[in-house]
Amino acid sequence: MTTSLHPPDGPPPAIDAGFTVPYLVYGTLRPGGSNAHLIGRHGATHGGSSTLDGYAMYDALAGYPYVVPDVGARTVALDIVLPPADAAAARALRADLDALEGFEGAARLNHYERVAVPFAEPGTGRSRWGWLYVAGAGALIDGLARIESGDWFRR
């Protein structure tokens, strides 16, 4: 299912809130990826697969990919991670994911930035907000090879 760039109802979640917002993962956090174990550690679940238009994927050559906004017709394959219902577990999941992605908060030189983006919910097509980690100012993507398939597992 491809995203609708139509924003969901309501504003995007604040960067320090939105603990019930799904995470859109496209690399090592996907099922079968080297960091997928972090998802189950806190009781989060896999909520299906989707794609996201308007992004390009690059091979970091260090065992993980980057995505960046791209106005072209790029599509990124991703999996949806549903946070646990328990508030403490959802906060612990956020802390683990932010640490893994090198996100230390807004206005920092982050390896990845956590941004709220609209995506289409599998099955319903309903537009909703999801957290996506995109290459941050601390990531060096110049000269990296683009993954034309948009799928980290099919590069």
N, C-alpha and C. Protein backbone atom coordinates (compact mmCIF):
# COMPACT_ATOMS: atom_id res chain seq x y z
N MET A 1 0.85 -1.16 0.00
CA MET A 1 0.00 0.00 0.00
C MET A 1 0.90 1.22 0.00
N THR A 2 0.65 2.19 -0.80
CA THR A 2 1.44 3.40 -0.92
C THR A 2 0.81 4.51 -0.10
N THR A 3 1.67 5.39 0.42
CA THR A 3 1.18 6.45 1.27
C THR A 3 0.35 7.45 0.51
N SER A 4 -0.50 8.10 1.24
CA SER A 4 -1.18 9.28 0.76
C SER A 4 -0.45 10.45 1.39
N LEU A 5 -0.07 11.43 0.60
CA LEU A 5 0.61 12.58 1.18
C LEU A 5 -0.39 13.53 1.82
N HIS A 6 -1.66 13.17 1.78
CA HIS A 6 -2.70 13.93 2.47
C HIS A 6 -2.47 13.77 3.97
N PRO A 7 -2.28 14.89 4.70
CA PRO A 7 -2.03 14.77 6.13
C PRO A 7 -3.21 14.16 6.87
N PRO A 8 -2.93 13.42 7.92
CA PRO A 8 -3.99 12.87 8.75
C PRO A 8 -4.74 14.00 9.46
N ASP A 9 -5.88 13.65 10.02
CA ASP A 9 -6.61 14.63 10.83
C ASP A 9 -5.74 15.01 12.03
N GLY A 10 -5.72 16.26 12.34
CA GLY A 10 -4.96 16.73 13.49
C GLY A 10 -3.51 17.03 13.15
N PRO A 11 -2.87 17.80 14.01
CA PRO A 11 -1.48 18.17 13.77
C PRO A 11 -0.55 17.00 14.03
N PRO A 12 0.69 17.08 13.53
CA PRO A 12 1.64 16.02 13.85
C PRO A 12 1.96 16.02 15.34
N PRO A 13 2.39 14.89 15.86
CA PRO A 13 2.72 14.84 17.28
C PRO A 13 3.97 15.68 17.57
N ALA A 14 4.04 16.19 18.79
CA ALA A 14 5.24 16.91 19.23
C ALA A 14 6.38 15.91 19.38
N ILE A 15 7.59 16.37 19.13
CA ILE A 15 8.77 15.50 19.15
C ILE A 15 8.98 14.83 20.52
N ASP A 16 8.54 15.48 21.59
CA ASP A 16 8.71 14.90 22.92
C ASP A 16 7.45 14.19 23.42
N ALA A 17 6.51 13.94 22.50
CA ALA A 17 5.27 13.24 22.83
C ALA A 17 5.04 12.16 21.77
N GLY A 18 3.81 11.80 21.54
CA GLY A 18 3.49 10.83 20.48
C GLY A 18 4.00 9.43 20.73
N PHE A 19 3.93 8.98 21.98
CA PHE A 19 4.43 7.65 22.31
C PHE A 19 3.55 6.53 21.75
N THR A 20 2.32 6.84 21.34
CA THR A 20 1.44 5.83 20.76
C THR A 20 1.49 5.84 19.23
N VAL A 21 2.27 6.73 18.66
CA VAL A 21 2.41 6.83 17.20
C VAL A 21 3.30 5.70 16.70
N PRO A 22 2.91 4.99 15.63
CA PRO A 22 3.74 3.91 15.11
C PRO A 22 5.09 4.42 14.57
N TYR A 23 6.04 3.52 14.51
CA TYR A 23 7.35 3.80 13.92
C TYR A 23 7.39 3.15 12.55
N LEU A 24 7.93 3.86 11.58
CA LEU A 24 8.07 3.36 10.21
C LEU A 24 9.54 2.98 10.02
N VAL A 25 9.81 1.69 9.97
CA VAL A 25 11.19 1.21 9.92
C VAL A 25 11.50 0.63 8.55
N TYR A 26 12.72 0.84 8.08
CA TYR A 26 13.07 0.46 6.71
C TYR A 26 14.41 -0.24 6.60
N GLY A 27 15.11 -0.45 7.69
CA GLY A 27 16.44 -1.05 7.64
C GLY A 27 16.59 -2.16 8.65
N THR A 28 17.53 -2.00 9.56
CA THR A 28 17.90 -3.07 10.49
C THR A 28 16.82 -3.37 11.52
N LEU A 29 15.82 -2.51 11.66
CA LEU A 29 14.73 -2.75 12.61
C LEU A 29 13.59 -3.57 12.02
N ARG A 30 13.63 -3.80 10.70
CA ARG A 30 12.59 -4.63 10.08
C ARG A 30 12.74 -6.08 10.52
N PRO A 31 11.66 -6.85 10.48
CA PRO A 31 11.78 -8.27 10.82
C PRO A 31 12.88 -8.92 9.98
N GLY A 32 13.78 -9.62 10.65
CA GLY A 32 14.92 -10.24 9.98
C GLY A 32 16.16 -9.37 10.00
N GLY A 33 16.02 -8.12 10.40
CA GLY A 33 17.16 -7.20 10.48
C GLY A 33 17.96 -7.40 11.76
N SER A 34 19.19 -6.91 11.75
CA SER A 34 20.10 -7.13 12.88
C SER A 34 19.65 -6.46 14.18
N ASN A 35 18.77 -5.48 14.12
CA ASN A 35 18.29 -4.81 15.34
C ASN A 35 16.81 -5.05 15.61
N ALA A 36 16.20 -5.99 14.89
CA ALA A 36 14.77 -6.27 15.05
C ALA A 36 14.42 -6.72 16.47
N HIS A 37 15.38 -7.28 17.18
CA HIS A 37 15.12 -7.73 18.55
C HIS A 37 14.70 -6.58 19.48
N LEU A 38 15.08 -5.34 19.15
CA LEU A 38 14.70 -4.20 19.98
C LEU A 38 13.19 -3.98 19.99
N ILE A 39 12.52 -4.37 18.93
CA ILE A 39 11.07 -4.15 18.82
C ILE A 39 10.32 -4.99 19.84
N GLY A 40 10.60 -6.27 19.89
CA GLY A 40 9.91 -7.16 20.82
C GLY A 40 10.31 -6.98 22.26
N ARG A 41 11.48 -6.42 22.51
CA ARG A 41 11.99 -6.25 23.87
C ARG A 41 11.01 -5.48 24.75
N HIS A 42 10.28 -4.55 24.18
CA HIS A 42 9.39 -3.70 24.97
C HIS A 42 7.91 -4.00 24.71
N GLY A 43 7.63 -5.07 23.99
CA GLY A 43 6.25 -5.44 23.74
C GLY A 43 5.62 -4.76 22.53
N ALA A 44 6.44 -4.10 21.72
CA ALA A 44 5.93 -3.53 20.46
C ALA A 44 5.65 -4.69 19.50
N THR A 45 4.80 -4.44 18.52
CA THR A 45 4.45 -5.49 17.56
C THR A 45 4.58 -4.98 16.14
N HIS A 46 4.70 -5.93 15.24
CA HIS A 46 4.76 -5.64 13.81
C HIS A 46 3.34 -5.39 13.33
N GLY A 47 3.12 -4.25 12.68
CA GLY A 47 1.78 -3.89 12.24
C GLY A 47 1.58 -3.95 10.74
N GLY A 48 2.42 -4.72 10.04
CA GLY A 48 2.28 -4.85 8.61
C GLY A 48 3.34 -4.09 7.85
N SER A 49 3.23 -4.17 6.54
CA SER A 49 4.19 -3.53 5.65
C SER A 49 3.50 -2.49 4.80
N SER A 50 4.26 -1.52 4.35
CA SER A 50 3.72 -0.46 3.51
C SER A 50 4.87 0.11 2.68
N THR A 51 4.58 1.16 1.96
CA THR A 51 5.62 1.92 1.25
C THR A 51 5.39 3.39 1.52
N LEU A 52 6.42 4.16 1.29
CA LEU A 52 6.36 5.59 1.52
C LEU A 52 6.93 6.29 0.30
N ASP A 53 6.13 7.11 -0.32
CA ASP A 53 6.58 7.86 -1.49
C ASP A 53 7.28 9.14 -1.06
N GLY A 54 8.12 9.67 -1.95
CA GLY A 54 8.76 10.94 -1.71
C GLY A 54 10.05 10.85 -0.92
N TYR A 55 10.64 9.65 -0.87
CA TYR A 55 11.90 9.45 -0.15
C TYR A 55 12.85 8.62 -1.01
N ALA A 56 14.13 8.87 -0.85
CA ALA A 56 15.17 8.07 -1.49
C ALA A 56 15.96 7.37 -0.40
N MET A 57 16.46 6.18 -0.72
CA MET A 57 17.23 5.39 0.23
C MET A 57 18.67 5.28 -0.25
N TYR A 58 19.60 5.37 0.69
CA TYR A 58 21.02 5.28 0.39
C TYR A 58 21.67 4.23 1.26
N ASP A 59 22.69 3.57 0.71
CA ASP A 59 23.43 2.53 1.42
C ASP A 59 24.57 3.19 2.17
N ALA A 60 24.55 3.13 3.50
CA ALA A 60 25.58 3.77 4.31
C ALA A 60 26.89 2.98 4.31
N LEU A 61 26.90 1.78 3.76
CA LEU A 61 28.09 0.93 3.69
C LEU A 61 28.61 0.51 5.07
N ALA A 62 27.81 0.73 6.08
CA ALA A 62 28.21 0.36 7.44
C ALA A 62 27.18 -0.59 8.06
N GLY A 63 26.33 -1.18 7.22
CA GLY A 63 25.34 -2.13 7.71
C GLY A 63 23.98 -1.54 7.98
N TYR A 64 23.70 -0.36 7.46
CA TYR A 64 22.38 0.25 7.63
C TYR A 64 22.15 1.23 6.49
N PRO A 65 20.87 1.59 6.26
CA PRO A 65 20.55 2.57 5.21
C PRO A 65 20.18 3.93 5.81
N TYR A 66 20.11 4.91 4.93
CA TYR A 66 19.56 6.23 5.24
C TYR A 66 18.40 6.47 4.30
N VAL A 67 17.41 7.23 4.73
CA VAL A 67 16.41 7.77 3.81
C VAL A 67 16.42 9.28 3.96
N VAL A 68 16.13 9.94 2.84
CA VAL A 68 16.04 11.40 2.81
C VAL A 68 14.84 11.77 1.96
N PRO A 69 14.21 12.90 2.27
CA PRO A 69 13.11 13.36 1.42
C PRO A 69 13.61 13.56 -0.01
N ASP A 70 12.78 13.20 -0.98
CA ASP A 70 13.11 13.33 -2.40
C ASP A 70 11.81 13.57 -3.13
N VAL A 71 11.72 14.69 -3.82
CA VAL A 71 10.47 15.03 -4.49
C VAL A 71 10.20 14.15 -5.70
N GLY A 72 11.17 13.34 -6.10
CA GLY A 72 10.97 12.41 -7.21
C GLY A 72 10.01 11.30 -6.83
N ALA A 73 9.79 10.39 -7.74
CA ALA A 73 8.82 9.31 -7.54
C ALA A 73 9.44 8.12 -6.82
N ARG A 74 10.25 8.37 -5.84
CA ARG A 74 10.90 7.28 -5.09
C ARG A 74 9.90 6.65 -4.13
N THR A 75 10.07 5.38 -3.89
CA THR A 75 9.25 4.66 -2.93
C THR A 75 10.16 3.86 -2.03
N VAL A 76 9.94 3.93 -0.74
CA VAL A 76 10.71 3.19 0.24
C VAL A 76 9.83 2.11 0.85
N ALA A 77 10.34 0.88 0.88
CA ALA A 77 9.63 -0.23 1.53
C ALA A 77 9.86 -0.13 3.04
N LEU A 78 8.80 -0.28 3.80
CA LEU A 78 8.95 -0.18 5.24
C LEU A 78 8.00 -1.12 5.96
N ASP A 79 8.30 -1.30 7.22
CA ASP A 79 7.44 -2.06 8.12
C ASP A 79 6.97 -1.12 9.21
N ILE A 80 5.80 -1.40 9.72
CA ILE A 80 5.18 -0.56 10.73
C ILE A 80 5.32 -1.24 12.09
N VAL A 81 5.84 -0.50 13.05
CA VAL A 81 6.01 -0.99 14.41
C VAL A 81 4.99 -0.27 15.29
N LEU A 82 4.12 -1.06 15.91
CA LEU A 82 3.10 -0.52 16.80
C LEU A 82 3.64 -0.52 18.23
N PRO A 83 3.70 0.65 18.86
CA PRO A 83 4.24 0.72 20.22
C PRO A 83 3.36 -0.07 21.19
N PRO A 84 3.94 -0.48 22.31
CA PRO A 84 3.15 -1.18 23.32
C PRO A 84 2.14 -0.24 23.97
N ALA A 85 1.08 -0.80 24.51
CA ALA A 85 0.04 0.00 25.17
C ALA A 85 0.53 0.56 26.51
N ASP A 86 1.42 -0.16 27.16
CA ASP A 86 1.94 0.27 28.45
C ASP A 86 2.82 1.51 28.26
N ALA A 87 2.51 2.59 28.99
CA ALA A 87 3.22 3.87 28.81
C ALA A 87 4.71 3.76 29.12
N ALA A 88 5.07 3.05 30.18
CA ALA A 88 6.48 2.92 30.53
C ALA A 88 7.23 2.14 29.45
N ALA A 89 6.61 1.09 28.93
CA ALA A 89 7.24 0.30 27.87
C ALA A 89 7.37 1.12 26.59
N ALA A 90 6.36 1.94 26.28
CA ALA A 90 6.43 2.80 25.09
C ALA A 90 7.56 3.82 25.22
N ARG A 91 7.77 4.35 26.41
CA ARG A 91 8.88 5.29 26.64
C ARG A 91 10.22 4.58 26.52
N ALA A 92 10.30 3.36 27.03
CA ALA A 92 11.55 2.59 26.94
C ALA A 92 11.86 2.25 25.48
N LEU A 93 10.83 1.90 24.71
CA LEU A 93 11.02 1.64 23.28
C LEU A 93 11.56 2.89 22.60
N ARG A 94 10.95 4.03 22.85
CA ARG A 94 11.40 5.30 22.27
C ARG A 94 12.86 5.56 22.61
N ALA A 95 13.23 5.36 23.87
CA ALA A 95 14.60 5.61 24.31
C ALA A 95 15.58 4.70 23.57
N ASP A 96 15.23 3.42 23.43
CA ASP A 96 16.11 2.48 22.71
C ASP A 96 16.25 2.86 21.24
N LEU A 97 15.13 3.20 20.59
CA LEU A 97 15.18 3.54 19.17
C LEU A 97 15.95 4.85 18.95
N ASP A 98 15.69 5.86 19.78
CA ASP A 98 16.44 7.11 19.64
C ASP A 98 17.93 6.88 19.85
N ALA A 99 18.30 6.07 20.83
CA ALA A 99 19.72 5.79 21.07
C ALA A 99 20.34 5.06 19.88
N LEU A 100 19.64 4.06 19.37
CA LEU A 100 20.15 3.32 18.21
C LEU A 100 20.37 4.24 17.02
N GLU A 101 19.44 5.15 16.79
CA GLU A 101 19.50 6.02 15.62
C GLU A 101 20.33 7.29 15.85
N GLY A 102 20.87 7.46 17.03
CA GLY A 102 21.69 8.63 17.30
C GLY A 102 20.89 9.92 17.33
N PHE A 103 19.63 9.82 17.76
CA PHE A 103 18.78 11.01 17.88
C PHE A 103 18.82 11.48 19.32
N GLU A 104 19.38 12.67 19.54
CA GLU A 104 19.53 13.21 20.88
C GLU A 104 18.58 14.36 21.17
N GLY A 105 17.68 14.64 20.26
CA GLY A 105 16.70 15.70 20.46
C GLY A 105 16.81 16.76 19.38
N ALA A 106 15.82 17.63 19.37
CA ALA A 106 15.78 18.70 18.38
C ALA A 106 16.98 19.63 18.55
N ALA A 107 17.38 20.26 17.44
CA ALA A 107 18.46 21.25 17.41
C ALA A 107 19.81 20.66 17.82
N ARG A 108 20.02 19.41 17.53
CA ARG A 108 21.31 18.76 17.80
C ARG A 108 21.90 18.28 16.48
N LEU A 109 23.15 17.91 16.50
CA LEU A 109 23.80 17.35 15.32
C LEU A 109 23.56 15.83 15.36
N ASN A 110 22.34 15.43 14.99
CA ASN A 110 21.91 14.04 15.09
C ASN A 110 22.34 13.22 13.88
N HIS A 111 22.58 11.94 14.14
CA HIS A 111 22.86 11.02 13.04
C HIS A 111 21.58 10.81 12.22
N TYR A 112 20.48 10.61 12.90
CA TYR A 112 19.15 10.53 12.30
C TYR A 112 18.25 11.51 13.02
N GLU A 113 17.27 12.04 12.32
CA GLU A 113 16.22 12.86 12.91
C GLU A 113 14.94 12.02 12.95
N ARG A 114 14.19 12.13 14.04
CA ARG A 114 12.89 11.46 14.13
C ARG A 114 11.84 12.49 13.73
N VAL A 115 11.14 12.22 12.63
CA VAL A 115 10.14 13.16 12.11
C VAL A 115 8.80 12.45 11.96
N ALA A 116 7.74 13.21 12.14
CA ALA A 116 6.38 12.68 11.94
C ALA A 116 6.02 12.85 10.48
N VAL A 117 5.61 11.75 9.84
CA VAL A 117 5.20 11.78 8.44
C VAL A 117 3.87 11.06 8.28
N PRO A 118 3.06 11.47 7.31
CA PRO A 118 1.82 10.74 7.05
C PRO A 118 2.12 9.45 6.29
N PHE A 119 1.38 8.40 6.62
CA PHE A 119 1.47 7.14 5.89
C PHE A 119 0.09 6.51 5.84
N ALA A 120 -0.07 5.59 4.92
CA ALA A 120 -1.35 4.89 4.77
C ALA A 120 -1.33 3.60 5.58
N GLU A 121 -2.28 3.47 6.46
CA GLU A 121 -2.40 2.28 7.29
C GLU A 121 -2.73 1.08 6.41
N PRO A 122 -1.98 -0.03 6.53
CA PRO A 122 -2.29 -1.21 5.73
C PRO A 122 -3.71 -1.70 6.00
N GLY A 123 -4.35 -2.14 4.98
CA GLY A 123 -5.70 -2.67 5.12
C GLY A 123 -6.79 -1.63 4.97
N THR A 124 -6.63 -0.50 5.65
CA THR A 124 -7.68 0.52 5.60
C THR A 124 -7.34 1.67 4.65
N GLY A 125 -6.05 1.90 4.45
CA GLY A 125 -5.62 3.04 3.64
C GLY A 125 -5.77 4.37 4.35
N ARG A 126 -6.22 4.32 5.60
CA ARG A 126 -6.41 5.54 6.39
C ARG A 126 -5.07 6.24 6.61
N SER A 127 -5.06 7.54 6.39
CA SER A 127 -3.85 8.33 6.59
C SER A 127 -3.67 8.61 8.07
N ARG A 128 -2.46 8.34 8.57
CA ARG A 128 -2.15 8.62 9.97
C ARG A 128 -0.70 9.01 10.12
N TRP A 129 -0.33 9.50 11.28
CA TRP A 129 1.05 9.91 11.53
C TRP A 129 1.89 8.71 11.94
N GLY A 130 3.14 8.72 11.51
CA GLY A 130 4.12 7.73 11.92
C GLY A 130 5.47 8.40 12.12
N TRP A 131 6.28 7.84 13.00
CA TRP A 131 7.63 8.34 13.20
C TRP A 131 8.57 7.68 12.21
N LEU A 132 9.36 8.50 11.53
CA LEU A 132 10.34 8.02 10.56
C LEU A 132 11.68 8.64 10.92
N TYR A 133 12.72 7.82 10.95
CA TYR A 133 14.08 8.32 11.17
C TYR A 133 14.70 8.59 9.81
N VAL A 134 15.01 9.86 9.56
CA VAL A 134 15.64 10.28 8.30
C VAL A 134 17.07 10.72 8.60
N ALA A 135 17.92 10.71 7.58
CA ALA A 135 19.31 11.13 7.75
C ALA A 135 19.36 12.52 8.35
N GLY A 136 20.13 12.68 9.41
CA GLY A 136 20.27 13.96 10.07
C GLY A 136 21.52 14.68 9.61
N ALA A 137 21.76 15.83 10.20
CA ALA A 137 22.93 16.65 9.85
C ALA A 137 24.25 15.93 10.14
N GLY A 138 24.23 14.99 11.07
CA GLY A 138 25.44 14.23 11.41
C GLY A 138 25.71 13.06 10.48
N ALA A 139 24.82 12.82 9.55
CA ALA A 139 24.99 11.72 8.58
C ALA A 139 25.67 12.27 7.32
N LEU A 140 26.59 11.52 6.82
CA LEU A 140 27.28 11.92 5.60
C LEU A 140 26.77 11.06 4.44
N ILE A 141 25.86 11.61 3.63
CA ILE A 141 25.29 10.81 2.56
C ILE A 141 25.85 11.17 1.19
N ASP A 142 26.60 12.27 1.09
CA ASP A 142 27.18 12.64 -0.20
C ASP A 142 28.07 11.51 -0.71
N GLY A 143 27.83 11.10 -1.94
CA GLY A 143 28.63 10.05 -2.56
C GLY A 143 28.16 8.64 -2.29
N LEU A 144 27.17 8.46 -1.44
CA LEU A 144 26.66 7.12 -1.17
C LEU A 144 25.78 6.65 -2.32
N ALA A 145 25.76 5.34 -2.53
CA ALA A 145 24.95 4.77 -3.60
C ALA A 145 23.48 4.76 -3.21
N ARG A 146 22.66 5.18 -4.16
CA ARG A 146 21.21 5.14 -3.95
C ARG A 146 20.74 3.70 -4.13
N ILE A 147 19.85 3.27 -3.26
CA ILE A 147 19.24 1.95 -3.38
C ILE A 147 17.98 2.16 -4.21
N GLU A 148 18.08 1.89 -5.49
CA GLU A 148 17.00 2.22 -6.43
C GLU A 148 15.71 1.47 -6.14
N SER A 149 15.81 0.26 -5.60
CA SER A 149 14.60 -0.51 -5.29
C SER A 149 13.83 0.10 -4.13
N GLY A 150 14.50 0.90 -3.29
CA GLY A 150 13.86 1.45 -2.11
C GLY A 150 13.64 0.41 -1.02
N ASP A 151 14.22 -0.76 -1.19
CA ASP A 151 14.05 -1.85 -0.23
C ASP A 151 15.42 -2.30 0.26
N TRP A 152 15.71 -2.05 1.52
CA TRP A 152 17.00 -2.38 2.11
C TRP A 152 17.33 -3.86 1.94
N PHE A 153 16.35 -4.74 2.00
CA PHE A 153 16.61 -6.17 1.88
C PHE A 153 16.78 -6.64 0.43
N ARG A 154 16.48 -5.78 -0.54
CA ARG A 154 16.61 -6.16 -1.96
C ARG A 154 17.63 -5.30 -2.69
N ARG A 155 18.53 -4.72 -1.98
CA ARG A 155 19.51 -3.83 -2.60
C ARG A 155 20.38 -4.56 -3.50
